[in-house]
């Protein structure tokens, strides 16, 4: 099953190790969503998880997704810190020239 980054972020926020509970939660979120485009995406994701993911290996999928997204967030945090700390080099370069 292929997931785009938006779908991974939704699952990171709302999924749990139980396949049935995750699908039910996504369907409830679909019902509560007001924006038609977001509602369509949520329903598509709920159906994708329900039909393309088997219950017997869903828990492994869930834990793999959590590890992947934790690493993604760690790298983004590191990049933000790197960008924040590299501004002084540009100032030093301008002063030297």
PDB file of N, CA and C in Angstrom:
ATOM      1  N   UNK A   1       0.844  -1.177   0.000  1.00  0.00           N
ATOM      2  CA  UNK A   1       0.000   0.000   0.000  1.00  0.00           C
ATOM      3  C   UNK A   1       0.889   1.240   0.000  1.00  0.00           C
ATOM      4  N   UNK A   2       0.605   2.168  -0.892  1.00  0.00           N
ATOM      5  CA  UNK A   2       1.349   3.415  -0.990  1.00  0.00           C
ATOM      6  C   UNK A   2       0.562   4.517  -0.300  1.00  0.00           C
ATOM      7  N   UNK A   3       1.254   5.288   0.527  1.00  0.00           N
ATOM      8  CA  UNK A   3       0.649   6.421   1.215  1.00  0.00           C
ATOM      9  C   UNK A   3       1.429   7.677   0.869  1.00  0.00           C
ATOM     10  N   UNK A   4       0.710   8.773   0.651  1.00  0.00           N
ATOM     11  CA  UNK A   4       1.415  10.034   0.466  1.00  0.00           C
ATOM     12  C   UNK A   4       1.659  10.663   1.831  1.00  0.00           C
ATOM     13  N   UNK A   5       2.390  11.766   1.870  1.00  0.00           N
ATOM     14  CA  UNK A   5       2.783  12.357   3.147  1.00  0.00           C
ATOM     15  C   UNK A   5       1.575  12.855   3.940  1.00  0.00           C
ATOM     16  N   UNK A   6       0.557  13.386   3.276  1.00  0.00           N
ATOM     17  CA  UNK A   6      -0.643  13.830   3.991  1.00  0.00           C
ATOM     18  C   UNK A   6      -1.314  12.656   4.702  1.00  0.00           C
ATOM     19  N   UNK A   7      -1.420  11.537   4.014  1.00  0.00           N
ATOM     20  CA  UNK A   7      -2.041  10.359   4.604  1.00  0.00           C
ATOM     21  C   UNK A   7      -1.222   9.847   5.785  1.00  0.00           C
ATOM     22  N   UNK A   8       0.093   9.868   5.640  1.00  0.00           N
ATOM     23  CA  UNK A   8       0.953   9.424   6.736  1.00  0.00           C
ATOM     24  C   UNK A   8       0.795  10.329   7.951  1.00  0.00           C
ATOM     25  N   UNK A   9       0.687  11.632   7.716  1.00  0.00           N
ATOM     26  CA  UNK A   9       0.512  12.564   8.829  1.00  0.00           C
ATOM     27  C   UNK A   9      -0.830  12.341   9.526  1.00  0.00           C
ATOM     28  N   UNK A  10      -1.873  12.069   8.754  1.00  0.00           N
ATOM     29  CA  UNK A  10      -3.190  11.790   9.347  1.00  0.00           C
ATOM     30  C   UNK A  10      -3.126  10.522  10.185  1.00  0.00           C
ATOM     31  N   UNK A  11      -2.515   9.482   9.637  1.00  0.00           N
ATOM     32  CA  UNK A  11      -2.400   8.232  10.387  1.00  0.00           C
ATOM     33  C   UNK A  11      -1.508   8.395  11.612  1.00  0.00           C
ATOM     34  N   UNK A  12      -0.473   9.202  11.508  1.00  0.00           N
ATOM     35  CA  UNK A  12       0.402   9.444  12.652  1.00  0.00           C
ATOM     36  C   UNK A  12      -0.385  10.085  13.794  1.00  0.00           C
ATOM     37  N   UNK A  13      -1.310  10.971  13.432  1.00  0.00           N
ATOM     38  CA  UNK A  13      -2.088  11.670  14.450  1.00  0.00           C
ATOM     39  C   UNK A  13      -3.251  10.845  14.990  1.00  0.00           C
ATOM     40  N   UNK A  14      -3.916  10.055  14.150  1.00  0.00           N
ATOM     41  CA  UNK A  14      -5.176   9.439  14.554  1.00  0.00           C
ATOM     42  C   UNK A  14      -5.183   7.911  14.616  1.00  0.00           C
ATOM     43  N   UNK A  15      -4.170   7.261  14.103  1.00  0.00           N
ATOM     44  CA  UNK A  15      -4.189   5.793  14.082  1.00  0.00           C
ATOM     45  C   UNK A  15      -3.785   5.220  15.436  1.00  0.00           C
ATOM     46  N   UNK A  16      -4.128   3.960  15.626  1.00  0.00           N
ATOM     47  CA  UNK A  16      -3.718   3.216  16.819  1.00  0.00           C
ATOM     48  C   UNK A  16      -3.372   1.797  16.375  1.00  0.00           C
ATOM     49  N   UNK A  17      -2.816   0.965  17.250  1.00  0.00           N
ATOM     50  CA  UNK A  17      -2.410  -0.391  16.841  1.00  0.00           C
ATOM     51  C   UNK A  17      -3.567  -1.301  16.420  1.00  0.00           C
ATOM     52  N   UNK A  18      -4.792  -0.942  16.746  1.00  0.00           N
ATOM     53  CA  UNK A  18      -5.948  -1.762  16.379  1.00  0.00           C
ATOM     54  C   UNK A  18      -6.480  -1.346  15.005  1.00  0.00           C
ATOM     55  N   UNK A  19      -6.534  -2.289  14.084  1.00  0.00           N
ATOM     56  CA  UNK A  19      -7.030  -2.026  12.727  1.00  0.00           C
ATOM     57  C   UNK A  19      -8.478  -1.541  12.766  1.00  0.00           C
ATOM     58  N   UNK A  20      -9.320  -2.259  13.473  1.00  0.00           N
ATOM     59  CA  UNK A  20     -10.740  -1.921  13.553  1.00  0.00           C
ATOM     60  C   UNK A  20     -10.944  -0.530  14.158  1.00  0.00           C
ATOM     61  N   UNK A  21     -10.248  -0.234  15.248  1.00  0.00           N
ATOM     62  CA  UNK A  21     -10.399   1.075  15.896  1.00  0.00           C
ATOM     63  C   UNK A  21      -9.899   2.208  15.008  1.00  0.00           C
ATOM     64  N   UNK A  22      -8.834   1.975  14.272  1.00  0.00           N
ATOM     65  CA  UNK A  22      -8.317   3.005  13.370  1.00  0.00           C
ATOM     66  C   UNK A  22      -9.320   3.310  12.261  1.00  0.00           C
ATOM     67  N   UNK A  23      -9.864   2.276  11.647  1.00  0.00           N
ATOM     68  CA  UNK A  23     -10.838   2.484  10.574  1.00  0.00           C
ATOM     69  C   UNK A  23     -12.071   3.201  11.119  1.00  0.00           C
ATOM     70  N   UNK A  24     -12.547   2.774  12.276  1.00  0.00           N
ATOM     71  CA  UNK A  24     -13.719   3.416  12.886  1.00  0.00           C
ATOM     72  C   UNK A  24     -13.422   4.878  13.204  1.00  0.00           C
ATOM     73  N   UNK A  25     -12.253   5.157  13.753  1.00  0.00           N
ATOM     74  CA  UNK A  25     -11.867   6.535  14.085  1.00  0.00           C
ATOM     75  C   UNK A  25     -11.794   7.395  12.825  1.00  0.00           C
ATOM     76  N   UNK A  26     -11.223   6.864  11.752  1.00  0.00           N
ATOM     77  CA  UNK A  26     -11.139   7.632  10.505  1.00  0.00           C
ATOM     78  C   UNK A  26     -12.525   7.915   9.927  1.00  0.00           C
ATOM     79  N   UNK A  27     -13.429   6.963  10.060  1.00  0.00           N
ATOM     80  CA  UNK A  27     -14.800   7.193   9.572  1.00  0.00           C
ATOM     81  C   UNK A  27     -15.508   8.258  10.404  1.00  0.00           C
ATOM     82  N   UNK A  28     -15.297   8.254  11.710  1.00  0.00           N
ATOM     83  CA  UNK A  28     -15.879   9.293  12.559  1.00  0.00           C
ATOM     84  C   UNK A  28     -15.287  10.655  12.216  1.00  0.00           C
ATOM     85  N   UNK A  29     -13.999  10.710  11.982  1.00  0.00           N
ATOM     86  CA  UNK A  29     -13.369  11.969  11.587  1.00  0.00           C
ATOM     87  C   UNK A  29     -13.900  12.464  10.248  1.00  0.00           C
ATOM     88  N   UNK A  30     -14.173  11.534   9.360  1.00  0.00           N
ATOM     89  CA  UNK A  30     -14.774  11.903   8.077  1.00  0.00           C
ATOM     90  C   UNK A  30     -16.133  12.539   8.301  1.00  0.00           C
ATOM     91  N   UNK A  31     -16.921  11.967   9.177  1.00  0.00           N
ATOM     92  CA  UNK A  31     -18.252  12.510   9.465  1.00  0.00           C
ATOM     93  C   UNK A  31     -18.165  13.895  10.107  1.00  0.00           C
ATOM     94  N   UNK A  32     -17.124  14.146  10.890  1.00  0.00           N
ATOM     95  CA  UNK A  32     -16.985  15.429  11.576  1.00  0.00           C
ATOM     96  C   UNK A  32     -16.329  16.513  10.719  1.00  0.00           C
ATOM     97  N   UNK A  33     -15.698  16.126   9.638  1.00  0.00           N
ATOM     98  CA  UNK A  33     -14.994  17.079   8.785  1.00  0.00           C
ATOM     99  C   UNK A  33     -15.984  17.901   7.972  1.00  0.00           C
ATOM    100  N   UNK A  34     -15.746  19.205   7.921  1.00  0.00           N
ATOM    101  CA  UNK A  34     -16.667  20.118   7.228  1.00  0.00           C
ATOM    102  C   UNK A  34     -16.247  20.356   5.781  1.00  0.00           C
ATOM    103  N   UNK A  35     -14.970  20.521   5.549  1.00  0.00           N
ATOM    104  CA  UNK A  35     -14.448  20.815   4.211  1.00  0.00           C
ATOM    105  C   UNK A  35     -14.666  19.621   3.285  1.00  0.00           C
ATOM    106  N   UNK A  36     -15.340  19.810   2.145  1.00  0.00           N
ATOM    107  CA  UNK A  36     -15.625  18.684   1.247  1.00  0.00           C
ATOM    108  C   UNK A  36     -14.374  17.982   0.709  1.00  0.00           C
ATOM    109  N   UNK A  37     -13.340  18.742   0.400  1.00  0.00           N
ATOM    110  CA  UNK A  37     -12.112  18.131  -0.120  1.00  0.00           C
ATOM    111  C   UNK A  37     -11.427  17.292   0.962  1.00  0.00           C
ATOM    112  N   UNK A  38     -11.341  17.834   2.170  1.00  0.00           N
ATOM    113  CA  UNK A  38     -10.735  17.088   3.281  1.00  0.00           C
ATOM    114  C   UNK A  38     -11.581  15.869   3.629  1.00  0.00           C
ATOM    115  N   UNK A  39     -12.895  16.025   3.547  1.00  0.00           N
ATOM    116  CA  UNK A  39     -13.803  14.901   3.828  1.00  0.00           C
ATOM    117  C   UNK A  39     -13.574  13.770   2.831  1.00  0.00           C
ATOM    118  N   UNK A  40     -13.405  14.122   1.568  1.00  0.00           N
ATOM    119  CA  UNK A  40     -13.156  13.131   0.527  1.00  0.00           C
ATOM    120  C   UNK A  40     -11.824  12.409   0.772  1.00  0.00           C
ATOM    121  N   UNK A  41     -10.786  13.160   1.143  1.00  0.00           N
ATOM    122  CA  UNK A  41      -9.482  12.560   1.415  1.00  0.00           C
ATOM    123  C   UNK A  41      -9.532  11.627   2.619  1.00  0.00           C
ATOM    124  N   UNK A  42     -10.248  12.045   3.660  1.00  0.00           N
ATOM    125  CA  UNK A  42     -10.357  11.217   4.864  1.00  0.00           C
ATOM    126  C   UNK A  42     -11.111   9.923   4.567  1.00  0.00           C
ATOM    127  N   UNK A  43     -12.198  10.028   3.822  1.00  0.00           N
ATOM    128  CA  UNK A  43     -12.971   8.839   3.478  1.00  0.00           C
ATOM    129  C   UNK A  43     -12.152   7.899   2.596  1.00  0.00           C
ATOM    130  N   UNK A  44     -11.410   8.461   1.657  1.00  0.00           N
ATOM    131  CA  UNK A  44     -10.546   7.651   0.796  1.00  0.00           C
ATOM    132  C   UNK A  44      -9.497   6.914   1.633  1.00  0.00           C
ATOM    133  N   UNK A  45      -8.906   7.615   2.600  1.00  0.00           N
ATOM    134  CA  UNK A  45      -7.910   6.986   3.468  1.00  0.00           C
ATOM    135  C   UNK A  45      -8.542   5.893   4.332  1.00  0.00           C
ATOM    136  N   UNK A  46      -9.725   6.145   4.866  1.00  0.00           N
ATOM    137  CA  UNK A  46     -10.414   5.135   5.687  1.00  0.00           C
ATOM    138  C   UNK A  46     -10.696   3.881   4.863  1.00  0.00           C
ATOM    139  N   UNK A  47     -11.162   4.073   3.648  1.00  0.00           N
ATOM    140  CA  UNK A  47     -11.445   2.922   2.782  1.00  0.00           C
ATOM    141  C   UNK A  47     -10.166   2.197   2.378  1.00  0.00           C
ATOM    142  N   UNK A  48      -9.103   2.966   2.143  1.00  0.00           N
ATOM    143  CA  UNK A  48      -7.827   2.359   1.768  1.00  0.00           C
ATOM    144  C   UNK A  48      -7.300   1.484   2.904  1.00  0.00           C
ATOM    145  N   UNK A  49      -7.349   1.992   4.124  1.00  0.00           N
ATOM    146  CA  UNK A  49      -6.881   1.220   5.277  1.00  0.00           C
ATOM    147  C   UNK A  49      -7.761  -0.007   5.477  1.00  0.00           C
ATOM    148  N   UNK A  50      -9.061   0.162   5.295  1.00  0.00           N
ATOM    149  CA  UNK A  50      -9.997  -0.943   5.518  1.00  0.00           C
ATOM    150  C   UNK A  50      -9.842  -2.050   4.482  1.00  0.00           C
ATOM    151  N   UNK A  51      -9.639  -1.689   3.220  1.00  0.00           N
ATOM    152  CA  UNK A  51      -9.628  -2.696   2.161  1.00  0.00           C
ATOM    153  C   UNK A  51      -8.229  -3.209   1.811  1.00  0.00           C
ATOM    154  N   UNK A  52      -7.225  -2.332   1.846  1.00  0.00           N
ATOM    155  CA  UNK A  52      -5.893  -2.726   1.390  1.00  0.00           C
ATOM    156  C   UNK A  52      -4.983  -3.231   2.504  1.00  0.00           C
ATOM    157  N   UNK A  53      -5.390  -3.083   3.733  1.00  0.00           N
ATOM    158  CA  UNK A  53      -4.556  -3.487   4.857  1.00  0.00           C
ATOM    159  C   UNK A  53      -5.217  -4.646   5.586  1.00  0.00           C
ATOM    160  N   UNK A  54      -4.497  -5.725   5.720  1.00  0.00           N
ATOM    161  CA  UNK A  54      -5.043  -6.877   6.433  1.00  0.00           C
ATOM    162  C   UNK A  54      -4.809  -6.718   7.928  1.00  0.00           C
ATOM    163  N   UNK A  55      -5.783  -7.186   8.708  1.00  0.00           N
ATOM    164  CA  UNK A  55      -5.695  -7.048  10.163  1.00  0.00           C
ATOM    165  C   UNK A  55      -4.494  -7.765  10.746  1.00  0.00           C
ATOM    166  N   UNK A  56      -4.105  -8.876  10.159  1.00  0.00           N
ATOM    167  CA  UNK A  56      -3.041  -9.686  10.764  1.00  0.00           C
ATOM    168  C   UNK A  56      -1.681  -9.004  10.718  1.00  0.00           C
ATOM    169  N   UNK A  57      -1.452  -8.101   9.761  1.00  0.00           N
ATOM    170  CA  UNK A  57      -0.166  -7.418   9.732  1.00  0.00           C
ATOM    171  C   UNK A  57      -0.293  -5.919   9.937  1.00  0.00           C
ATOM    172  N   UNK A  58      -1.477  -5.448  10.295  1.00  0.00           N
ATOM    173  CA  UNK A  58      -1.693  -4.014  10.498  1.00  0.00           C
ATOM    174  C   UNK A  58      -0.839  -3.465  11.644  1.00  0.00           C
ATOM    175  N   UNK A  59      -0.702  -4.219  12.733  1.00  0.00           N
ATOM    176  CA  UNK A  59       0.059  -3.712  13.876  1.00  0.00           C
ATOM    177  C   UNK A  59       1.515  -3.447  13.494  1.00  0.00           C
ATOM    178  N   UNK A  60       2.111  -4.321  12.700  1.00  0.00           N
ATOM    179  CA  UNK A  60       3.484  -4.101  12.229  1.00  0.00           C
ATOM    180  C   UNK A  60       3.545  -2.868  11.320  1.00  0.00           C
ATOM    181  N   UNK A  61       2.551  -2.720  10.452  1.00  0.00           N
ATOM    182  CA  UNK A  61       2.455  -1.541   9.589  1.00  0.00           C
ATOM    183  C   UNK A  61       2.381  -0.271  10.430  1.00  0.00           C
ATOM    184  N   UNK A  62       1.554  -0.304  11.472  1.00  0.00           N
ATOM    185  CA  UNK A  62       1.380   0.859  12.346  1.00  0.00           C
ATOM    186  C   UNK A  62       2.705   1.238  13.013  1.00  0.00           C
ATOM    187  N   UNK A  63       3.406   0.270  13.578  1.00  0.00           N
ATOM    188  CA  UNK A  63       4.657   0.570  14.266  1.00  0.00           C
ATOM    189  C   UNK A  63       5.732   1.051  13.289  1.00  0.00           C
ATOM    190  N   UNK A  64       5.755   0.500  12.093  1.00  0.00           N
ATOM    191  CA  UNK A  64       6.693   0.961  11.066  1.00  0.00           C
ATOM    192  C   UNK A  64       6.381   2.414  10.680  1.00  0.00           C
ATOM    193  N   UNK A  65       5.108   2.733  10.526  1.00  0.00           N
ATOM    194  CA  UNK A  65       4.704   4.103  10.189  1.00  0.00           C
ATOM    195  C   UNK A  65       5.118   5.061  11.299  1.00  0.00           C
ATOM    196  N   UNK A  66       4.919   4.681  12.550  1.00  0.00           N
ATOM    197  CA  UNK A  66       5.303   5.536  13.677  1.00  0.00           C
ATOM    198  C   UNK A  66       6.813   5.799  13.664  1.00  0.00           C
ATOM    199  N   UNK A  67       7.608   4.750  13.439  1.00  0.00           N
ATOM    200  CA  UNK A  67       9.058   4.925  13.398  1.00  0.00           C
ATOM    201  C   UNK A  67       9.464   5.843  12.246  1.00  0.00           C
ATOM    202  N   UNK A  68       8.847   5.641  11.088  1.00  0.00           N
ATOM    203  CA  UNK A  68       9.166   6.458   9.916  1.00  0.00           C
ATOM    204  C   UNK A  68       8.832   7.931  10.161  1.00  0.00           C
ATOM    205  N   UNK A  69       7.662   8.193  10.736  1.00  0.00           N
ATOM    206  CA  UNK A  69       7.247   9.577  10.969  1.00  0.00           C
ATOM    207  C   UNK A  69       8.046  10.212  12.105  1.00  0.00           C
ATOM    208  N   UNK A  70       8.433   9.449  13.107  1.00  0.00           N
ATOM    209  CA  UNK A  70       9.287   9.989  14.170  1.00  0.00           C
ATOM    210  C   UNK A  70      10.629  10.421  13.595  1.00  0.00           C
ATOM    211  N   UNK A  71      11.179   9.604  12.700  1.00  0.00           N
ATOM    212  CA  UNK A  71      12.438   9.947  12.044  1.00  0.00           C
ATOM    213  C   UNK A  71      12.281  11.178  11.154  1.00  0.00           C
ATOM    214  N   UNK A  72      11.158  11.253  10.436  1.00  0.00           N
ATOM    215  CA  UNK A  72      10.857  12.408   9.586  1.00  0.00           C
ATOM    216  C   UNK A  72      10.814  13.681  10.427  1.00  0.00           C
ATOM    217  N   UNK A  73      10.138  13.640  11.566  1.00  0.00           N
ATOM    218  CA  UNK A  73      10.036  14.818  12.435  1.00  0.00           C
ATOM    219  C   UNK A  73      11.397  15.170  13.038  1.00  0.00           C
ATOM    220  N   UNK A  74      12.192  14.177  13.393  1.00  0.00           N
ATOM    221  CA  UNK A  74      13.516  14.437  13.950  1.00  0.00           C
ATOM    222  C   UNK A  74      14.411  15.134  12.918  1.00  0.00           C
ATOM    223  N   UNK A  75      14.346  14.673  11.680  1.00  0.00           N
ATOM    224  CA  UNK A  75      15.154  15.276  10.616  1.00  0.00           C
ATOM    225  C   UNK A  75      14.697  16.710  10.330  1.00  0.00           C
ATOM    226  N   UNK A  76      13.392  16.944  10.312  1.00  0.00           N
ATOM    227  CA  UNK A  76      12.884  18.308  10.083  1.00  0.00           C
ATOM    228  C   UNK A  76      13.325  19.247  11.193  1.00  0.00           C
ATOM    229  N   UNK A  77      13.287  18.744  12.437  1.00  0.00           N
ATOM    230  CA  UNK A  77      13.745  19.549  13.580  1.00  0.00           C
ATOM    231  C   UNK A  77      15.230  19.875  13.430  1.00  0.00           C
ATOM    232  N   UNK A  78      16.017  18.903  13.008  1.00  0.00           N
ATOM    233  CA  UNK A  78      17.450  19.118  12.816  1.00  0.00           C
ATOM    234  C   UNK A  78      17.707  20.131  11.702  1.00  0.00           C
ATOM    235  N   UNK A  79      16.957  20.047  10.626  1.00  0.00           N
ATOM    236  CA  UNK A  79      17.124  21.003   9.527  1.00  0.00           C
ATOM    237  C   UNK A  79      16.766  22.417   9.961  1.00  0.00           C
ATOM    238  N   UNK A  80      15.693  22.556  10.752  1.00  0.00           N
ATOM    239  CA  UNK A  80      15.324  23.884  11.252  1.00  0.00           C
ATOM    240  C   UNK A  80      16.437  24.458  12.128  1.00  0.00           C
ATOM    241  N   UNK A  81      16.994  23.625  12.995  1.00  0.00           N
ATOM    242  CA  UNK A  81      18.080  24.076  13.863  1.00  0.00           C
ATOM    243  C   UNK A  81      19.302  24.443  13.032  1.00  0.00           C
ATOM    244  N   UNK A  82      19.597  23.674  12.022  1.00  0.00           N
ATOM    245  CA  UNK A  82      20.733  23.950  11.147  1.00  0.00           C
ATOM    246  C   UNK A  82      20.548  25.274  10.416  1.00  0.00           C
ATOM    247  N   UNK A  83      19.357  25.509   9.881  1.00  0.00           N
ATOM    248  CA  UNK A  83      19.083  26.770   9.189  1.00  0.00           C
ATOM    249  C   UNK A  83      19.181  27.953  10.140  1.00  0.00           C
ATOM    250  N   UNK A  84      18.691  27.780  11.363  1.00  0.00           N
ATOM    251  CA  UNK A  84      18.742  28.869  12.338  1.00  0.00           C
ATOM    252  C   UNK A  84      20.175  29.201  12.742  1.00  0.00           C
ATOM    253  N   UNK A  85      21.058  28.225  12.731  1.00  0.00           N
ATOM    254  CA  UNK A  85      22.430  28.444  13.179  1.00  0.00           C
ATOM    255  C   UNK A  85      23.400  28.766  12.055  1.00  0.00           C
ATOM    256  N   UNK A  86      22.967  28.798  10.815  1.00  0.00           N
ATOM    257  CA  UNK A  86      23.888  29.085   9.717  1.00  0.00           C
ATOM    258  C   UNK A  86      23.785  30.513   9.212  1.00  0.00           C
ATOM    259  N   UNK A  87      22.920  31.324   9.768  1.00  0.00           N
ATOM    260  CA  UNK A  87      22.793  32.714   9.330  1.00  0.00           C
ATOM    261  C   UNK A  87      24.054  33.519   9.603  1.00  0.00           C
ATOM    262  N   UNK A  88      24.744  33.223  10.694  1.00  0.00           N
ATOM    263  CA  UNK A  88      25.924  33.998  11.050  1.00  0.00           C
ATOM    264  C   UNK A  88      27.036  33.833  10.019  1.00  0.00           C
ATOM    265  N   UNK A  89      27.108  32.718   9.330  1.00  0.00           N
ATOM    266  CA  UNK A  89      28.152  32.519   8.330  1.00  0.00           C
ATOM    267  C   UNK A  89      27.988  33.490   7.167  1.00  0.00           C
ATOM    268  N   UNK A  90      26.758  33.746   6.772  1.00  0.00           N
ATOM    269  CA  UNK A  90      26.525  34.692   5.679  1.00  0.00           C
ATOM    270  C   UNK A  90      26.953  36.094   6.096  1.00  0.00           C
ATOM    271  N   UNK A  91      26.684  36.481   7.350  1.00  0.00           N
ATOM    272  CA  UNK A  91      27.088  37.795   7.834  1.00  0.00           C
ATOM    273  C   UNK A  91      28.598  37.918   7.864  1.00  0.00           C
ATOM    274  N   UNK A  92      29.283  36.866   8.315  1.00  0.00           N
ATOM    275  CA  UNK A  92      30.742  36.891   8.350  1.00  0.00           C
ATOM    276  C   UNK A  92      31.326  37.002   6.951  1.00  0.00           C
ATOM    277  N   UNK A  93      30.715  36.326   5.985  1.00  0.00           N
ATOM    278  CA  UNK A  93      31.182  36.369   4.613  1.00  0.00           C
ATOM    279  C   UNK A  93      31.030  37.770   4.045  1.00  0.00           C
ATOM    280  N   UNK A  94      29.907  38.417   4.312  1.00  0.00           N
ATOM    281  CA  UNK A  94      29.678  39.766   3.813  1.00  0.00           C
ATOM    282  C   UNK A  94      30.676  40.750   4.413  1.00  0.00           C
ATOM    283  N   UNK A  95      31.006  40.573   5.709  1.00  0.00           N
ATOM    284  CA  UNK A  95      31.962  41.467   6.354  1.00  0.00           C
ATOM    285  C   UNK A  95      33.358  41.271   5.772  1.00  0.00           C
ATOM    286  N   UNK A  96      33.705  40.051   5.435  1.00  0.00           N
ATOM    287  CA  UNK A  96      35.038  39.759   4.905  1.00  0.00           C
ATOM    288  C   UNK A  96      35.216  40.313   3.501  1.00  0.00           C
ATOM    289  N   UNK A  97      34.142  40.394   2.736  1.00  0.00           N
ATOM    290  CA  UNK A  97      34.230  40.876   1.353  1.00  0.00           C
ATOM    291  C   UNK A  97      34.142  42.360   1.372  1.00  0.00           C
TER     292      UNK A  97
END
